[in-house]
Amino acid sequence: MEERGYVESEPDPSADDDLVLPRRIYRPTPFGLRLLDAWELMARTIQPEVSRRSGTGDDLGHRPT
């Protein structure tokens, strides 16, 4: 996700053990936040469609027999 520009990271400054790699602290980039907003909007948009079909089969579209 970092290579795609969704998040950026840095080593944990509180890591004091030199024998282990420090944990990385991740935070979303402005592009990552815009992508998340778009994804949430899309999910809210299709949610009524998914809910309307409930009871007609499983999540894969299979109908009950």
Protein backbone atom coordinates (compact mmCIF):
# COMPACT_ATOMS: atom_id res chain seq x y z
CA MET A 1 0.00 0.00 0.00
CA GLU A 2 2.94 2.27 0.62
CA GLU A 3 4.29 1.66 -2.89
CA ARG A 4 0.93 2.68 -4.34
CA GLY A 5 0.88 5.90 -2.32
CA TYR A 6 -2.03 5.02 -0.02
CA VAL A 7 0.01 5.20 3.20
CA GLU A 8 3.37 6.42 4.41
CA SER A 9 5.40 4.96 7.25
CA GLU A 10 8.34 5.56 9.53
CA PRO A 11 10.09 3.45 12.17
CA ASP A 12 8.59 3.58 15.65
CA PRO A 13 10.69 6.14 17.54
CA SER A 14 10.02 4.41 20.87
CA ALA A 15 11.69 1.16 19.77
CA ASP A 16 14.74 0.72 21.96
CA ASP A 17 15.85 -2.82 21.06
CA ASP A 18 18.70 -2.80 18.53
CA LEU A 19 18.40 -6.55 17.93
CA VAL A 20 14.99 -6.40 16.29
CA LEU A 21 13.65 -4.30 13.44
CA PRO A 22 11.60 -1.45 14.84
CA ARG A 23 7.87 -1.55 14.31
CA ARG A 24 6.64 0.76 11.56
CA ILE A 25 4.03 3.43 12.18
CA TYR A 26 1.67 3.88 9.21
CA ARG A 27 -0.57 6.83 8.38
CA PRO A 28 -2.75 7.45 5.35
CA THR A 29 -1.61 9.92 2.71
CA PRO A 30 -4.01 12.56 1.37
CA PHE A 31 -4.45 10.32 -1.70
CA GLY A 32 -5.16 7.33 0.57
CA LEU A 33 -7.81 9.32 2.45
CA ARG A 34 -9.50 10.35 -0.82
CA LEU A 35 -9.47 6.73 -1.95
CA LEU A 36 -10.99 5.61 1.36
CA ASP A 37 -13.73 8.25 1.04
CA ALA A 38 -14.51 7.05 -2.49
CA TRP A 39 -14.57 3.41 -1.35
CA GLU A 40 -16.95 4.20 1.53
CA LEU A 41 -19.24 6.17 -0.80
CA MET A 42 -19.33 3.22 -3.22
CA ALA A 43 -20.08 0.80 -0.37
CA ARG A 44 -22.95 2.98 0.90
CA THR A 45 -24.29 3.30 -2.65
CA ILE A 46 -24.49 -0.44 -3.29
CA GLN A 47 -25.58 -1.39 0.24
CA PRO A 48 -29.32 -0.88 -0.43
CA GLU A 49 -29.01 -3.17 -3.48
CA VAL A 50 -27.40 -5.90 -1.40
CA SER A 51 -29.93 -5.52 1.42
CA ARG A 52 -32.86 -5.68 -0.99
CA ARG A 53 -31.78 -9.15 -2.09
CA SER A 54 -31.40 -10.57 1.41
CA GLY A 55 -33.23 -13.80 1.96
CA THR A 56 -32.93 -14.87 -1.67
CA GLY A 57 -29.66 -16.75 -1.31
CA ASP A 58 -26.18 -16.54 0.11
CA ASP A 59 -23.65 -13.77 -0.44
CA LEU A 60 -22.40 -15.50 -3.61
CA GLY A 61 -25.74 -15.17 -5.34
CA HIS A 62 -26.75 -18.81 -4.90
CA ARG A 63 -30.45 -19.28 -4.43
CA PRO A 64 -31.77 -21.57 -1.69
CA THR A 65 -32.84 -25.01 -2.87
